[in-house]
Amino acid sequence: MVPYRVLVVDDSGFMRKIISDLIVQDPQFIIVATAVNGQEAIEAVREWKPDVVTLDLEMPLMNGIEALQAIMKENPTPVIMLSGISEDNTRETIKALQFGAFDFIRKPSSAISNDIHQVGEVLLEKLRIAVLTKRYQPVISIIEKSASIIEDNDQVKQQISAAIEKKVQPVEPSLPTQPTASLSSDSILIPKPEEQQVTQRSVSSLHKQQKPKGSETSAPNNAKPQASTLKPVVKSKLPEIKSLIPEPPSIKKSKTSGATGAFKHIVAIGTSTGGPRALHEVITSLPGDFPAPVLIVQHMPPKFTKSLAQRLDSFSELHVVEAEQGERVVAGKVYIAPGAFHMELAKDAAGFFIKLTEQPQRNGHRPSVDVLFESLLPIRELKRHAVIMTGMGSDGAKGMKLLSESGIETSIAEAEETCVVYGMPRSAVEAGCVDQIVPLHNIASQLVQAMLK
């Protein structure tokens, strides 16, 4: 097969070499160019039109965030960010994901072989998925939808505020009474491209290799396969960054989390690849007086989940936090499972609280969506609402199936047309446990309606 072309961007020659060597271990990929800063990255994408880009965050002249925004605006291309684990790096990584980056990996912490090998495996898996966003699916921009989405958000907030005042009455919780595998790299089948000519497989610096001829993208196949043979569908949502996701205001409105802490609904959301942007859309569409807690599992390493919570909090009228062990759960507050911990909803005589555990991974993940969903099974005094959004694999489908069988109030899967990766939602749909398939920008309004039941 003709290999996929990769652009590697990093100001460190040592790191460019490491990343390039990791990538070319898989013959599906070659390095067509490297760049040392954001300006060179923009020029390289313009000239070589790579299938995927790896992009460092911190570089001279122009950093990764600035380069990413320019690339997304001029030549939308799947981009995987390379991030350190400092607080600044994790915060900028979350920003990059909201600005259109497909995913991220942690940069190797040293030249230790084990660490480099682990990073290489993760990088190659993400590259295999990322190239499908360009090669086999149309690039769908949500710029055209941004105006209607913003209008819908305002209508959602007005609707729920009016409805809460009129109808929804919280109740105090009652006293207590008494593996599906995730997507692996082996499961990804890459069709052979028909229209590319690549002549070398060796690592090359910027402008060294012959420019590719002809079209860069094979025409998508419109034939619809049977459900049993479906592979995860991945799509790139490439927004006009400045207008769609502005920087948070310097002075935020004060936030309140539930007038009394009482509630009769609980919302649980699970997501993975593409999740930060999806969560931004849903959480920022809900008003500060939303009458239920929202528990979220986003597949993400430690430290990054805290930065995700902080960034969502800066845009949302709801209070968004990284969940802590034993924390009391109240209405109008969003709890994001910390990386490396499973999160469950638990209860005692005083009410509901967060339970974090370090039990083994489920579906290859910790936190796991299945673990969160299954923790809601004994909580029958609450009206339970489960949502599965964009992501690889099938995490959450088993838990949603069990909830459905136990009498869940609402089960929502994000629609294929708005998913970055239609893996987790598809698994739930195929399991027959979803009662609503909803495009991303309508999920918040569906949750609003559910609060009125």
Protein backbone atom coordinates (compact mmCIF):
# COMPACT_ATOMS: atom_id res chain seq x y z
CA MET A 1 0.00 0.00 0.00
CA VAL A 2 1.05 3.61 -0.47
CA PRO A 3 2.04 4.91 2.97
CA TYR A 4 0.52 7.85 4.74
CA ARG A 5 2.59 11.03 4.82
CA VAL A 6 3.46 12.56 8.19
CA LEU A 7 4.85 15.98 9.08
CA VAL A 8 6.79 16.08 12.38
CA VAL A 9 7.09 19.47 14.09
CA ASP A 10 9.35 20.04 17.09
CA ASP A 11 12.07 22.58 17.88
CA SER A 12 14.26 19.84 19.38
CA GLY A 13 16.30 17.89 16.86
CA PHE A 14 16.58 15.05 19.35
CA MET A 15 12.80 14.86 19.77
CA ARG A 16 12.19 15.10 16.01
CA LYS A 17 14.46 12.09 15.58
CA ILE A 18 12.75 10.07 18.34
CA ILE A 19 9.24 10.80 17.07
CA SER A 20 10.21 10.13 13.46
CA ASP A 21 11.86 6.83 14.35
CA LEU A 22 8.78 5.74 16.29
CA ILE A 23 6.47 6.55 13.39
CA VAL A 24 8.41 4.78 10.65
CA GLN A 25 8.39 1.54 12.64
CA ASP A 26 4.99 1.10 11.02
CA PRO A 27 5.37 0.81 7.21
CA GLN A 28 1.97 2.48 6.79
CA PHE A 29 3.70 5.82 7.50
CA ILE A 30 6.61 7.83 6.15
CA ILE A 31 7.98 11.20 7.23
CA VAL A 32 7.73 13.59 4.30
CA ALA A 33 9.03 16.64 6.16
CA THR A 34 10.04 18.01 9.53
CA ALA A 35 9.77 21.55 10.86
CA VAL A 36 11.32 23.36 13.81
CA ASN A 37 8.68 25.97 14.62
CA GLY A 38 5.09 26.94 13.93
CA GLN A 39 5.87 29.10 10.92
CA GLU A 40 7.71 26.28 9.18
CA ALA A 41 4.85 23.93 10.09
CA ILE A 42 2.31 26.13 8.32
CA GLU A 43 4.53 26.35 5.24
CA ALA A 44 5.12 22.59 5.25
CA VAL A 45 1.41 21.77 5.49
CA ARG A 46 0.72 24.20 2.66
CA GLU A 47 3.42 22.68 0.45
CA TRP A 48 3.33 18.96 1.25
CA LYS A 49 -0.28 18.51 2.30
CA PRO A 50 0.50 15.68 4.74
CA ASP A 51 -2.12 13.20 5.89
CA VAL A 52 -1.40 13.91 9.55
CA VAL A 53 0.81 16.23 11.63
CA THR A 54 2.51 15.77 14.99
CA LEU A 55 2.89 19.19 16.59
CA ASP A 56 4.86 20.30 19.63
CA LEU A 57 3.31 22.88 21.94
CA GLU A 58 6.32 24.97 22.93
CA MET A 59 8.42 26.32 20.04
CA PRO A 60 10.17 29.59 19.14
CA LEU A 61 8.80 32.19 16.69
CA MET A 62 5.34 30.60 16.64
CA ASN A 63 4.09 28.09 19.19
CA GLY A 64 1.94 25.02 18.59
CA ILE A 65 -1.38 26.66 19.48
CA GLU A 66 -0.84 29.50 17.01
CA ALA A 67 0.28 27.10 14.29
CA LEU A 68 -2.67 24.80 14.95
CA GLN A 69 -5.18 27.61 14.52
CA ALA A 70 -3.57 28.67 11.24
CA ILE A 71 -3.48 25.09 9.93
CA MET A 72 -7.12 24.47 10.85
CA LYS A 73 -8.16 27.67 9.07
CA GLU A 74 -6.05 27.30 5.92
CA ASN A 75 -5.44 23.57 5.39
CA PRO A 76 -7.53 21.50 7.82
CA THR A 77 -5.44 18.45 8.67
CA PRO A 78 -5.57 15.92 11.53
CA VAL A 79 -3.09 17.13 14.16
CA ILE A 80 -1.77 15.19 17.14
CA MET A 81 -0.28 17.43 19.81
CA LEU A 82 2.84 16.47 21.74
CA SER A 83 2.53 17.63 25.31
CA GLY A 84 4.57 17.70 28.47
CA ILE A 85 2.92 17.12 31.84
CA SER A 86 3.55 20.51 33.45
CA GLU A 87 0.49 22.50 34.48
CA ASP A 88 1.04 24.98 31.65
CA ASN A 89 1.42 22.17 29.10
CA THR A 90 -1.73 20.35 30.20
CA ARG A 91 -3.71 23.59 30.10
CA GLU A 92 -2.48 24.40 26.58
CA THR A 93 -3.18 20.85 25.43
CA ILE A 94 -6.82 21.12 26.45
CA LYS A 95 -7.01 24.42 24.60
CA ALA A 96 -5.52 22.76 21.50
CA LEU A 97 -8.14 19.99 21.58
CA GLN A 98 -10.88 22.60 21.63
CA PHE A 99 -9.16 24.46 18.81
CA GLY A 100 -9.33 21.46 16.48
CA ALA A 101 -6.47 19.09 17.35
CA PHE A 102 -7.50 15.48 16.78
CA ASP A 103 -5.79 14.14 19.91
CA PHE A 104 -2.58 14.36 21.93
CA ILE A 105 0.17 12.19 23.36
CA ARG A 106 2.54 12.70 26.24
CA LYS A 107 6.06 13.42 25.06
CA PRO A 108 8.64 10.80 26.09
CA SER A 109 9.98 11.85 29.48
CA SER A 110 13.47 10.51 28.77
CA ALA A 111 15.51 8.29 26.52
CA ILE A 112 14.57 5.25 28.61
CA SER A 113 13.54 2.56 26.17
CA ASN A 114 10.41 1.44 28.03
CA ASP A 115 8.97 4.93 28.12
CA ILE A 116 9.73 5.57 24.46
CA HIS A 117 8.22 2.22 23.49
CA GLN A 118 4.99 2.97 25.35
CA VAL A 119 4.71 6.42 23.80
CA GLY A 120 5.38 4.93 20.37
CA GLU A 121 2.55 2.40 20.68
CA VAL A 122 0.08 5.11 21.72
CA LEU A 123 1.27 7.46 18.97
CA LEU A 124 0.90 4.87 16.21
CA GLU A 125 -2.59 3.92 17.37
CA LYS A 126 -3.70 7.56 17.30
CA LEU A 127 -2.07 8.11 13.90
CA ARG A 128 -3.92 5.13 12.42
CA ILE A 129 -7.22 6.59 13.51
CA ALA A 130 -6.33 10.19 12.63
CA VAL A 131 -5.49 9.48 8.99
CA LEU A 132 -8.99 8.14 8.46
CA THR A 133 -10.41 11.56 9.26
CA LYS A 134 -8.81 12.93 6.10
CA ARG A 135 -8.60 10.01 3.71
CA TYR A 136 -11.98 8.36 3.97
CA GLN A 137 -14.46 10.79 5.45
CA PRO A 138 -15.47 14.24 4.30
CA VAL A 139 -14.08 17.07 6.38
CA ILE A 140 -17.12 18.62 8.05
CA SER A 141 -16.70 22.16 9.26
CA ILE A 142 -19.04 23.46 11.92
CA ILE A 143 -18.40 27.07 10.98
CA GLU A 144 -21.69 27.13 9.07
CA LYS A 145 -23.48 25.76 12.11
CA SER A 146 -21.92 28.09 14.66
CA ALA A 147 -24.53 30.81 14.46
CA SER A 148 -27.42 28.38 14.87
CA ILE A 149 -25.61 26.55 17.66
CA ILE A 150 -25.10 29.75 19.60
CA GLU A 151 -28.75 30.65 19.08
CA ASP A 152 -29.81 27.17 20.20
CA ASN A 153 -27.67 27.53 23.33
CA ASP A 154 -29.48 30.73 24.32
CA GLN A 155 -32.86 29.11 23.69
CA VAL A 156 -31.84 26.08 25.76
CA LYS A 157 -30.88 28.24 28.72
CA GLN A 158 -34.05 30.31 28.56
CA GLN A 159 -36.17 27.19 28.21
CA ILE A 160 -34.77 25.32 31.18
CA SER A 161 -34.73 28.36 33.46
CA ALA A 162 -38.41 28.98 32.80
CA ALA A 163 -39.25 25.31 33.14
CA ILE A 164 -37.39 24.90 36.41
CA GLU A 165 -39.25 27.79 37.99
CA LYS A 166 -42.57 26.34 36.81
CA LYS A 167 -42.27 22.61 37.27
CA VAL A 168 -39.13 20.96 38.55
CA GLN A 169 -39.14 20.39 42.31
CA PRO A 170 -36.03 18.71 43.76
CA VAL A 171 -36.37 16.04 46.41
CA GLU A 172 -33.97 14.89 49.03
CA PRO A 173 -32.31 11.52 48.34
CA SER A 174 -33.74 8.64 50.34
CA LEU A 175 -31.81 6.69 52.90
CA PRO A 176 -29.78 3.80 51.51
CA THR A 177 -31.24 0.32 51.25
CA GLN A 178 -29.56 -2.56 50.76
CA PRO A 179 -15.60 -6.48 29.20
CA THR A 180 -16.04 -5.35 26.09
CA ALA A 181 -12.69 -4.54 24.53
CA SER A 182 -11.76 -1.06 23.35
CA LEU A 183 -10.57 -0.40 19.83
CA SER A 184 -7.05 -1.71 19.29
CA SER A 185 -4.65 -0.93 16.51
CA ASP A 186 -5.10 -4.45 15.17
CA SER A 187 -8.77 -3.83 14.51
CA ILE A 188 -8.15 -0.89 12.17
CA LEU A 189 -8.12 -1.78 8.50
CA ILE A 190 -6.59 0.89 6.28
CA PRO A 191 -7.79 0.68 2.65
CA LYS A 192 -5.18 1.17 -0.02
CA PRO A 193 -5.14 4.74 -1.37
CA GLU A 194 -5.46 4.99 -5.15
CA GLU A 195 -4.19 8.46 -5.92
CA GLN A 196 -0.91 9.00 -4.06
CA GLN A 197 2.67 8.79 -5.22
CA VAL A 198 5.33 8.64 -2.52
CA THR A 199 8.88 7.71 -3.43
CA GLN A 200 10.78 7.47 -0.12
CA ARG A 201 10.29 6.06 3.36
CA SER A 202 13.30 7.58 5.08
CA VAL A 203 13.17 10.47 7.52
CA SER A 204 13.67 13.75 5.67
CA SER A 205 13.95 17.37 6.65
CA LEU A 206 11.77 20.15 5.34
CA HIS A 207 11.73 20.45 1.52
CA LYS A 208 14.01 17.46 0.93
CA GLN A 209 11.54 15.03 -0.57
CA GLN A 210 9.86 15.33 -3.96
CA LYS A 211 6.46 16.95 -3.73
CA PRO A 212 3.56 14.49 -4.14
CA LYS A 213 1.64 14.61 -7.38
CA GLY A 214 -2.08 14.60 -7.94
CA SER A 215 -4.92 14.56 -5.51
CA GLU A 216 -4.18 14.01 -1.86
CA THR A 217 -7.52 12.52 -0.88
CA SER A 218 -9.29 9.47 -2.18
CA ALA A 219 -12.97 9.91 -2.90
CA PRO A 220 -15.09 8.60 -0.05
CA ASN A 221 -16.93 5.38 -0.61
CA ASN A 222 -20.65 6.03 -0.33
CA ALA A 223 -21.62 2.37 -0.09
CA LYS A 224 -23.12 1.68 3.34
CA PRO A 225 -21.73 -1.50 4.96
CA GLN A 226 -23.75 -3.83 7.13
CA ALA A 227 -23.73 -3.03 10.84
CA SER A 228 -21.82 -6.20 11.67
CA THR A 229 -18.89 -5.13 9.52
CA LEU A 230 -18.74 -1.47 10.43
CA LYS A 231 -15.42 0.01 11.44
CA PRO A 232 -15.33 3.12 13.64
CA VAL A 233 -16.16 6.17 11.59
CA VAL A 234 -14.01 9.21 12.24
CA LYS A 235 -14.66 12.74 11.14
CA SER A 236 -12.91 16.01 11.62
CA LYS A 237 -14.82 18.93 13.07
CA LEU A 238 -12.78 22.00 12.22
CA PRO A 239 -14.33 25.15 13.66
CA GLU A 240 -13.53 28.77 13.02
CA ILE A 241 -11.63 28.96 16.26
CA LYS A 242 -11.81 32.60 17.27
CA SER A 243 -15.56 32.96 16.71
CA LEU A 244 -16.64 29.58 18.05
CA ILE A 245 -14.45 29.12 21.11
CA PRO A 246 -13.35 32.53 22.40
CA GLU A 247 -11.05 32.99 25.32
CA PRO A 248 -12.92 33.05 28.63
CA PRO A 249 -13.80 36.48 30.03
CA SER A 250 -11.41 38.00 32.50
CA ILE A 251 -14.18 38.43 35.07
CA LYS A 252 -16.52 35.48 35.50
CA LYS A 253 -19.99 35.49 36.95
CA SER A 254 -20.31 33.92 40.38
CA LYS A 255 -21.53 30.34 40.28
CA THR A 256 -23.87 28.50 42.56
CA SER A 257 -24.29 24.74 42.71
CA GLY A 258 -27.85 23.85 43.63
CA ALA A 259 -29.90 25.94 46.03
CA THR A 260 -30.17 23.14 48.59
CA GLY A 261 -28.06 20.40 47.05
CA ALA A 262 -31.24 18.34 46.61
CA PHE A 263 -32.08 16.77 43.27
CA LYS A 264 -34.13 14.02 41.68
CA HIS A 265 -32.18 13.60 38.42
CA ILE A 266 -28.60 12.47 37.72
CA VAL A 267 -26.76 12.85 34.40
CA ALA A 268 -23.77 10.67 33.45
CA ILE A 269 -21.70 11.31 30.30
CA GLY A 270 -18.95 9.20 28.75
CA THR A 271 -16.62 10.21 25.93
CA SER A 272 -13.11 9.73 24.55
CA THR A 273 -11.44 10.98 21.33
CA GLY A 274 -13.00 14.31 20.40
CA GLY A 275 -14.50 14.58 23.87
CA PRO A 276 -13.12 17.95 25.02
CA ARG A 277 -14.81 19.81 22.16
CA ALA A 278 -18.00 17.77 22.56
CA LEU A 279 -18.08 18.46 26.29
CA HIS A 280 -17.52 22.15 25.63
CA GLU A 281 -20.59 22.19 23.39
CA VAL A 282 -22.83 20.35 25.86
CA ILE A 283 -21.71 21.78 29.20
CA THR A 284 -21.59 25.42 28.09
CA SER A 285 -25.14 25.04 26.72
CA LEU A 286 -26.55 24.32 30.17
CA PRO A 287 -27.53 27.14 32.56
CA GLY A 288 -26.25 27.63 36.08
CA ASP A 289 -29.57 26.50 37.57
CA PHE A 290 -29.51 23.09 35.88
CA PRO A 291 -31.33 20.92 38.45
CA ALA A 292 -29.06 17.86 38.42
CA PRO A 293 -25.44 16.90 38.98
CA VAL A 294 -23.47 15.92 35.87
CA LEU A 295 -20.85 13.17 36.18
CA ILE A 296 -18.36 12.82 33.33
CA VAL A 297 -15.80 10.23 32.30
CA GLN A 298 -13.40 11.53 29.66
CA HIS A 299 -10.61 9.12 28.73
CA MET A 300 -7.55 11.19 29.60
CA PRO A 301 -4.33 10.80 31.63
CA PRO A 302 -3.77 12.28 35.10
CA LYS A 303 -3.29 16.07 35.31
CA PHE A 304 -4.98 16.64 31.96
CA THR A 305 -8.42 16.03 33.47
CA LYS A 306 -7.82 18.83 35.97
CA SER A 307 -6.91 21.23 33.16
CA LEU A 308 -10.01 20.12 31.24
CA ALA A 309 -12.21 20.85 34.24
CA GLN A 310 -10.62 24.27 34.74
CA ARG A 311 -11.08 25.24 31.11
CA LEU A 312 -14.71 24.08 30.95
CA ASP A 313 -15.37 25.92 34.20
CA SER A 314 -14.04 29.14 32.69
CA PHE A 315 -16.66 28.99 29.92
CA SER A 316 -19.61 27.43 31.70
CA GLU A 317 -22.30 28.83 33.95
CA LEU A 318 -22.12 25.53 35.82
CA HIS A 319 -19.33 24.90 38.30
CA VAL A 320 -16.99 22.30 36.74
CA VAL A 321 -14.45 20.45 38.89
CA GLU A 322 -12.16 17.47 38.83
CA ALA A 323 -13.91 15.08 41.21
CA GLU A 324 -12.37 14.33 44.61
CA GLN A 325 -12.75 11.31 46.85
CA GLY A 326 -15.75 11.63 49.15
CA GLU A 327 -16.95 14.88 47.60
CA ARG A 328 -20.65 15.51 48.13
CA VAL A 329 -22.69 15.61 44.92
CA VAL A 330 -25.07 18.54 44.44
CA ALA A 331 -27.27 19.84 41.64
CA GLY A 332 -25.83 22.31 39.17
CA LYS A 333 -22.27 21.02 39.46
CA VAL A 334 -20.18 19.03 36.97
CA TYR A 335 -17.73 16.37 38.19
CA ILE A 336 -15.00 15.08 35.85
CA ALA A 337 -13.34 11.78 36.78
CA PRO A 338 -9.62 12.30 37.45
CA GLY A 339 -7.20 10.47 35.19
CA ALA A 340 -6.10 7.03 36.48
CA PHE A 341 -9.15 6.69 38.78
CA HIS A 342 -12.53 5.08 38.23
CA MET A 343 -15.40 7.27 39.38
CA GLU A 344 -18.64 5.98 40.91
CA LEU A 345 -21.73 7.57 42.42
CA ALA A 346 -22.21 6.28 45.97
CA LYS A 347 -24.68 7.07 48.73
CA ASP A 348 -24.98 7.05 52.49
CA ALA A 349 -27.43 8.41 55.04
CA ALA A 350 -26.36 11.98 54.26
CA GLY A 351 -26.89 11.72 50.52
CA PHE A 352 -24.74 11.09 47.44
CA PHE A 353 -20.97 11.37 47.11
CA ILE A 354 -18.07 10.64 44.75
CA LYS A 355 -16.23 7.36 45.12
CA LEU A 356 -12.84 7.02 43.40
CA THR A 357 -11.05 3.70 43.05
CA GLU A 358 -7.90 2.31 41.49
CA GLN A 359 -9.47 -0.98 40.47
CA PRO A 360 -8.05 -2.56 37.27
CA GLN A 361 -8.76 -0.95 33.93
CA ARG A 362 -12.05 -1.71 32.22
CA ASN A 363 -12.10 -1.85 28.43
CA GLY A 364 -8.48 -0.68 28.55
CA HIS A 365 -9.37 2.48 30.47
CA ARG A 366 -9.26 4.01 33.92
CA PRO A 367 -11.49 5.94 34.33
CA SER A 368 -14.04 3.81 32.53
CA VAL A 369 -17.50 4.85 31.37
CA ASP A 370 -18.87 1.39 32.16
CA VAL A 371 -17.80 1.72 35.79
CA LEU A 372 -19.58 5.07 36.12
CA PHE A 373 -22.76 3.84 34.44
CA GLU A 374 -22.87 0.63 36.46
CA SER A 375 -22.58 2.60 39.71
CA LEU A 376 -25.97 4.13 38.89
CA LEU A 377 -27.72 0.74 38.77
CA PRO A 378 -28.74 0.66 42.46
CA ILE A 379 -29.66 4.36 42.50
CA ARG A 380 -33.31 3.87 41.62
CA GLU A 381 -34.69 6.81 43.61
CA LEU A 382 -33.11 9.16 41.04
CA LYS A 383 -34.13 9.60 37.43
CA ARG A 384 -31.02 8.48 35.57
CA HIS A 385 -29.86 9.94 32.25
CA ALA A 386 -26.87 8.47 30.37
CA VAL A 387 -25.07 9.96 27.37
CA ILE A 388 -22.34 8.43 25.20
CA MET A 389 -20.46 10.75 22.88
CA THR A 390 -17.58 10.58 20.41
CA GLY A 391 -14.78 8.11 21.10
CA MET A 392 -12.89 4.99 20.04
CA GLY A 393 -13.82 1.54 21.24
CA SER A 394 -16.95 0.40 23.07
CA ASP A 395 -16.54 1.66 26.64
CA GLY A 396 -19.93 2.55 28.08
CA ALA A 397 -22.07 0.30 25.89
CA LYS A 398 -22.26 -2.50 28.46
CA GLY A 399 -23.08 -0.09 31.28
CA MET A 400 -25.75 1.67 29.23
CA LYS A 401 -27.26 -1.71 28.32
CA LEU A 402 -27.55 -2.62 32.00
CA LEU A 403 -29.06 0.76 32.82
CA SER A 404 -31.54 0.38 29.98
CA GLU A 405 -32.63 -2.99 31.32
CA SER A 406 -33.05 -1.52 34.81
CA GLY A 407 -35.36 1.26 33.65
CA ILE A 408 -33.18 4.27 32.85
CA GLU A 409 -35.05 7.50 32.12
CA THR A 410 -32.94 8.65 29.14
CA SER A 411 -30.21 7.03 27.02
CA ILE A 412 -28.57 9.20 24.37
CA ALA A 413 -25.88 8.41 21.80
CA GLU A 414 -24.24 11.15 19.78
CA ALA A 415 -25.18 10.96 16.10
CA GLU A 416 -22.60 9.70 13.64
CA GLU A 417 -22.55 12.91 11.62
CA THR A 418 -21.18 14.97 14.52
CA CYS A 419 -18.82 12.39 16.06
CA VAL A 420 -15.08 12.73 15.57
CA VAL A 421 -14.90 8.96 16.09
CA TYR A 422 -18.15 6.99 15.83
CA GLY A 423 -16.97 4.09 17.96
CA MET A 424 -18.44 4.26 21.48
CA PRO A 425 -21.82 5.64 20.34
CA ARG A 426 -22.06 3.05 17.58
CA SER A 427 -21.38 0.22 20.05
CA ALA A 428 -24.21 1.47 22.27
CA VAL A 429 -26.59 1.78 19.31
CA GLU A 430 -25.75 -1.73 18.11
CA ALA A 431 -26.32 -3.05 21.63
CA GLY A 432 -29.92 -1.86 21.33
CA CYS A 433 -29.83 0.25 24.48
CA VAL A 434 -30.16 3.77 23.04
CA ASP A 435 -33.52 5.50 22.83
CA GLN A 436 -32.26 8.75 21.28
CA ILE A 437 -29.57 9.32 18.62
CA VAL A 438 -28.86 13.04 18.77
CA PRO A 439 -26.43 15.39 16.97
CA LEU A 440 -23.99 17.05 19.33
CA HIS A 441 -25.53 20.52 19.27
CA ASN A 442 -28.92 19.12 20.35
CA ILE A 443 -27.78 16.96 23.27
CA ALA A 444 -28.07 19.76 25.83
CA SER A 445 -31.62 20.56 24.78
CA GLN A 446 -32.56 16.88 25.08
CA LEU A 447 -31.22 16.86 28.63
CA VAL A 448 -33.28 19.98 29.30
CA GLN A 449 -36.42 18.19 28.18
CA ALA A 450 -35.52 15.19 30.32
CA MET A 451 -35.43 17.41 33.43
CA LEU A 452 -39.13 18.18 32.93
CA LYS A 453 -40.30 14.58 33.23
